Amino acid sequence: MIVNYQENGWQIISQRAHGLLSGQICFHWKQDLRPERWLETIIATTEHDDAFNEFVNDNMLLNENGGPVNFKMRKFDEDKCEELLQLALSKSRFIALLTSQHLQFLYEKETDKKSTAYCAKLKKWDQKWLKETQLDEKEIKTAYAILEWCDAFSLLLCQNLVPPEGRKIEISAGPDQQNYELWSPAENELSVTPWPFDVDSFQINFESKTMTQLQFSNVEEFREKLKDAPLTFHTYMIAKH
């Protein structure tokens, strides 16, 4: 989950809500750089964090002080990685390959031996799946670059990292190896330069929960109060400038 500390308490955005926002952004990517299997690319982008469900099966939600754990504080968890990969495999090898690329992007540069061994195993599976499906590795790399870009965009927004006063922040390099920047020309408005979408404007939204209680005795207490916490609906217009 994404955790932001605010004046009125913790702002919590679930991993799946962040993924859904990534998918909304992906949906409008410009057509000339879309891979052939576009719907599966959108699905992979939307579901790239789906193994993390704070309401059901995630027990690493609190730190030693009883506060909620932000996603950046979490370490490599092979069980969660495997759960995510198996969810992807149950849909298609294409989605599994994009998910594998994402797991490698997250963990292959870590020094932990378990994570590097897992990523080495993923590379072997990648080659097996590519051979089975006769998919073009270049197409997988292009599709994953879009996924990673939309993930980065969503994270900037969910972490409240878009600068004020029209200042720009780098998103990521897209599949065309260009560096894209995000900025806010007005309240609840966003723009990207250079413009990477197939329409001149579109709307995105996501949900967050606000928790005024700062500490929790256990995960069960946190989970139940998170479910009942007040909801905020965030809406932004992304437009070409």
Protein backbone atom coordinates (compact mmCIF):
# COMPACT_ATOMS: atom_id res chain seq x y z
CA MET A 1 0.00 0.00 0.00
CA ILE A 2 1.01 3.61 -0.47
CA VAL A 3 1.07 5.55 2.80
CA ASN A 4 1.19 9.34 2.98
CA TYR A 5 1.24 11.16 6.32
CA GLN A 6 -1.04 14.20 6.32
CA GLU A 7 -2.34 16.66 8.90
CA ASN A 8 -5.47 14.60 9.51
CA GLY A 9 -3.69 11.23 9.69
CA TRP A 10 -2.63 8.49 7.28
CA GLN A 11 -3.71 8.62 3.66
CA ILE A 12 -3.80 5.03 2.40
CA ILE A 13 -3.94 4.01 -1.27
CA SER A 14 -4.11 0.28 -1.89
CA GLN A 15 -1.73 -1.42 -4.30
CA ARG A 16 -4.68 -2.45 -6.45
CA ALA A 17 -6.06 1.10 -6.58
CA HIS A 18 -2.64 2.29 -7.73
CA GLY A 19 -2.62 -0.49 -10.35
CA LEU A 20 -6.07 0.52 -11.59
CA LEU A 21 -4.83 4.10 -12.01
CA SER A 22 -1.84 2.78 -13.98
CA GLY A 23 -4.26 0.95 -16.27
CA GLN A 24 -6.35 4.08 -16.84
CA ILE A 25 -3.22 5.92 -17.95
CA CYS A 26 -2.11 3.02 -20.14
CA PHE A 27 -5.48 2.87 -21.91
CA HIS A 28 -4.80 6.16 -23.70
CA TRP A 29 -1.21 5.51 -24.84
CA LYS A 30 -0.56 6.64 -28.41
CA GLN A 31 -1.46 4.05 -31.00
CA ASP A 32 1.72 4.02 -33.09
CA LEU A 33 3.71 2.56 -30.16
CA ARG A 34 1.12 0.08 -28.91
CA PRO A 35 2.09 -3.61 -29.12
CA GLU A 36 -0.20 -5.89 -31.09
CA ARG A 37 -1.57 -7.52 -27.94
CA TRP A 38 -2.81 -4.24 -26.55
CA LEU A 39 -5.64 -5.44 -24.30
CA GLU A 40 -3.29 -7.84 -22.50
CA THR A 41 -0.82 -4.98 -22.04
CA ILE A 42 -3.54 -2.91 -20.35
CA ILE A 43 -4.53 -5.88 -18.16
CA ALA A 44 -0.92 -6.54 -17.13
CA THR A 45 -0.48 -2.86 -16.29
CA THR A 46 -3.67 -2.76 -14.24
CA GLU A 47 -2.89 -5.97 -12.36
CA HIS A 48 0.87 -5.62 -11.84
CA ASP A 49 0.41 -5.35 -8.05
CA ASP A 50 -2.62 -7.61 -7.63
CA ALA A 51 -0.97 -10.09 -5.24
CA PHE A 52 -1.04 -7.38 -2.57
CA ASN A 53 -4.57 -7.21 -1.16
CA GLU A 54 -4.60 -5.28 2.10
CA PHE A 55 -8.20 -6.29 2.81
CA VAL A 56 -7.64 -10.05 2.60
CA ASN A 57 -4.26 -11.75 2.60
CA ASP A 58 -1.42 -9.34 3.32
CA ASN A 59 0.04 -9.55 6.82
CA MET A 60 3.00 -7.19 6.39
CA LEU A 61 0.96 -4.04 6.94
CA LEU A 62 2.38 -2.62 10.19
CA ASN A 63 5.85 -1.60 11.34
CA GLU A 64 7.29 -2.27 14.80
CA ASN A 65 5.66 0.91 16.10
CA GLY A 66 2.19 -0.11 14.94
CA GLY A 67 2.06 2.32 12.02
CA PRO A 68 1.15 1.35 8.43
CA VAL A 69 4.00 0.16 6.21
CA ASN A 70 4.57 2.11 3.01
CA PHE A 71 5.39 -0.03 -0.04
CA LYS A 72 8.95 1.31 -0.17
CA MET A 73 9.65 -0.16 3.28
CA ARG A 74 8.84 -3.71 2.17
CA LYS A 75 11.55 -6.23 1.32
CA PHE A 76 11.61 -8.97 -1.30
CA ASP A 77 8.86 -11.51 -0.63
CA GLU A 78 9.18 -14.57 -2.87
CA ASP A 79 5.75 -15.91 -1.92
CA LYS A 80 4.06 -12.69 -3.06
CA CYS A 81 6.12 -12.61 -6.26
CA GLU A 82 5.14 -16.19 -7.00
CA GLU A 83 1.48 -15.50 -6.28
CA LEU A 84 1.55 -12.55 -8.67
CA LEU A 85 3.28 -14.60 -11.36
CA GLN A 86 0.82 -17.48 -11.06
CA LEU A 87 -2.12 -15.06 -11.34
CA ALA A 88 -0.56 -13.77 -14.56
CA LEU A 89 0.14 -17.26 -15.91
CA SER A 90 -3.49 -18.23 -15.40
CA LYS A 91 -4.41 -15.53 -17.95
CA SER A 92 -1.72 -15.70 -20.65
CA ARG A 93 1.99 -16.16 -21.28
CA PHE A 94 2.11 -12.60 -22.61
CA ILE A 95 0.86 -11.19 -19.29
CA ALA A 96 3.20 -13.54 -17.43
CA LEU A 97 6.16 -12.26 -19.44
CA LEU A 98 5.29 -8.64 -18.61
CA THR A 99 4.86 -9.55 -14.94
CA SER A 100 8.20 -11.33 -14.97
CA GLN A 101 9.82 -8.24 -16.50
CA HIS A 102 8.33 -6.13 -13.71
CA LEU A 103 9.59 -8.42 -10.94
CA GLN A 104 13.06 -8.35 -12.46
CA PHE A 105 12.91 -4.55 -12.73
CA LEU A 106 12.10 -4.39 -9.01
CA TYR A 107 14.49 -6.96 -7.60
CA GLU A 108 17.34 -8.02 -9.87
CA LYS A 109 19.63 -5.20 -8.68
CA GLU A 110 19.18 -6.05 -5.02
CA THR A 111 22.04 -7.66 -3.10
CA ASP A 112 19.82 -10.21 -1.37
CA LYS A 113 20.72 -13.68 -2.65
CA LYS A 114 17.11 -14.88 -2.63
CA SER A 115 15.96 -12.07 -4.89
CA THR A 116 18.83 -12.46 -7.36
CA ALA A 117 18.29 -16.24 -7.49
CA TYR A 118 14.58 -15.71 -8.12
CA CYS A 119 15.28 -13.25 -10.93
CA ALA A 120 17.72 -15.71 -12.51
CA LYS A 121 14.93 -18.30 -12.46
CA LEU A 122 12.56 -15.79 -14.08
CA LYS A 123 15.00 -15.23 -16.94
CA LYS A 124 14.97 -18.97 -17.69
CA TRP A 125 11.18 -19.04 -17.65
CA ASP A 126 11.10 -16.02 -19.96
CA GLN A 127 13.06 -17.93 -22.59
CA LYS A 128 10.81 -20.99 -22.20
CA TRP A 129 7.62 -18.91 -22.56
CA LEU A 130 8.97 -16.98 -25.54
CA LYS A 131 9.80 -20.26 -27.28
CA GLU A 132 6.39 -21.77 -26.43
CA THR A 133 4.44 -18.81 -27.73
CA GLN A 134 6.83 -17.61 -30.47
CA LEU A 135 6.41 -14.11 -29.12
CA ASP A 136 8.85 -11.42 -30.21
CA GLU A 137 11.11 -10.40 -27.32
CA LYS A 138 11.22 -6.85 -28.71
CA GLU A 139 7.42 -6.63 -28.44
CA ILE A 140 7.61 -7.78 -24.81
CA LYS A 141 10.24 -5.12 -24.06
CA THR A 142 8.10 -2.42 -25.71
CA ALA A 143 4.97 -3.48 -23.84
CA TYR A 144 6.83 -3.60 -20.54
CA ALA A 145 8.30 -0.13 -21.10
CA ILE A 146 4.73 1.17 -21.36
CA LEU A 147 3.72 -0.71 -18.18
CA GLU A 148 6.71 0.67 -16.27
CA TRP A 149 6.01 4.21 -17.50
CA CYS A 150 2.36 4.08 -16.43
CA ASP A 151 3.39 2.59 -13.08
CA ALA A 152 5.84 5.46 -12.52
CA PHE A 153 3.20 8.06 -13.48
CA SER A 154 0.68 6.52 -11.07
CA LEU A 155 3.19 6.38 -8.22
CA LEU A 156 4.09 10.06 -8.64
CA LEU A 157 0.44 10.98 -8.35
CA CYS A 158 -0.40 8.59 -5.50
CA GLN A 159 2.60 9.79 -3.47
CA ASN A 160 1.69 13.47 -3.97
CA LEU A 161 5.01 14.09 -5.71
CA VAL A 162 3.78 16.34 -8.52
CA PRO A 163 5.46 19.72 -7.80
CA PRO A 164 3.44 22.92 -7.29
CA GLU A 165 3.57 26.11 -9.38
CA GLY A 166 3.84 24.34 -12.72
CA ARG A 167 7.26 22.84 -12.05
CA LYS A 168 8.02 19.60 -13.89
CA ILE A 169 9.08 16.18 -12.63
CA GLU A 170 10.47 13.35 -14.75
CA ILE A 171 8.21 10.31 -15.13
CA SER A 172 10.36 7.73 -16.91
CA ALA A 173 11.69 6.86 -20.35
CA GLY A 174 8.95 5.43 -22.54
CA PRO A 175 9.26 2.67 -25.15
CA ASP A 176 10.59 5.29 -27.58
CA GLN A 177 13.43 6.09 -25.11
CA GLN A 178 12.20 9.65 -24.65
CA ASN A 179 12.16 11.25 -21.23
CA TYR A 180 8.68 12.44 -20.32
CA GLU A 181 7.87 15.08 -17.70
CA LEU A 182 4.73 15.56 -15.62
CA TRP A 183 3.44 18.91 -14.39
CA SER A 184 0.30 20.54 -13.04
CA PRO A 185 -0.88 23.72 -14.83
CA ALA A 186 -3.82 24.14 -12.39
CA GLU A 187 -5.47 22.41 -9.45
CA ASN A 188 -6.62 18.88 -10.36
CA GLU A 189 -5.13 19.29 -13.84
CA LEU A 190 -2.08 17.49 -15.19
CA SER A 191 -0.08 17.56 -18.38
CA VAL A 192 2.79 15.58 -19.87
CA THR A 193 5.52 16.77 -22.19
CA PRO A 194 6.12 15.52 -24.82
CA TRP A 195 2.49 14.42 -25.20
CA PRO A 196 2.30 10.58 -25.33
CA PHE A 197 -1.44 9.91 -25.60
CA ASP A 198 -3.88 9.33 -28.47
CA VAL A 199 -6.40 11.98 -27.34
CA ASP A 200 -5.93 15.62 -26.31
CA SER A 201 -7.52 15.16 -22.89
CA PHE A 202 -9.00 12.50 -20.62
CA GLN A 203 -10.01 12.04 -16.99
CA ILE A 204 -8.47 9.71 -14.41
CA ASN A 205 -9.47 8.90 -10.85
CA PHE A 206 -8.52 6.83 -7.85
CA GLU A 207 -9.66 6.21 -4.27
CA SER A 208 -7.85 6.71 -0.98
CA LYS A 209 -8.76 6.07 2.66
CA THR A 210 -8.01 8.42 5.57
CA MET A 211 -7.16 6.99 9.00
CA THR A 212 -6.92 9.37 11.95
CA GLN A 213 -5.68 6.63 14.29
CA LEU A 214 -1.88 6.60 14.04
CA GLN A 215 -1.04 3.29 15.76
CA PHE A 216 -2.64 -0.15 15.73
CA SER A 217 -2.21 -3.13 18.02
CA ASN A 218 -2.19 -5.74 15.24
CA VAL A 219 -2.82 -6.30 11.54
CA GLU A 220 -6.39 -7.48 12.11
CA GLU A 221 -7.32 -4.22 13.86
CA PHE A 222 -5.68 -2.16 11.11
CA ARG A 223 -7.37 -4.16 8.34
CA GLU A 224 -10.87 -3.81 9.81
CA LYS A 225 -10.46 -0.07 10.42
CA LEU A 226 -9.01 0.42 6.95
CA LYS A 227 -12.11 -1.17 5.42
CA ASP A 228 -14.37 1.24 7.32
CA ALA A 229 -12.18 4.36 6.96
CA PRO A 230 -13.63 7.43 5.18
CA LEU A 231 -13.17 7.38 1.41
CA THR A 232 -11.81 10.18 -0.76
CA PHE A 233 -12.35 10.12 -4.52
CA HIS A 234 -9.56 11.89 -6.45
CA THR A 235 -10.22 13.10 -9.99
CA TYR A 236 -7.74 14.70 -12.40
CA MET A 237 -7.98 15.97 -15.96
CA ILE A 238 -4.93 15.18 -18.08
CA ALA A 239 -4.75 17.58 -21.00
CA LYS A 240 -2.33 18.55 -23.75
CA HIS A 241 -0.73 22.01 -23.35
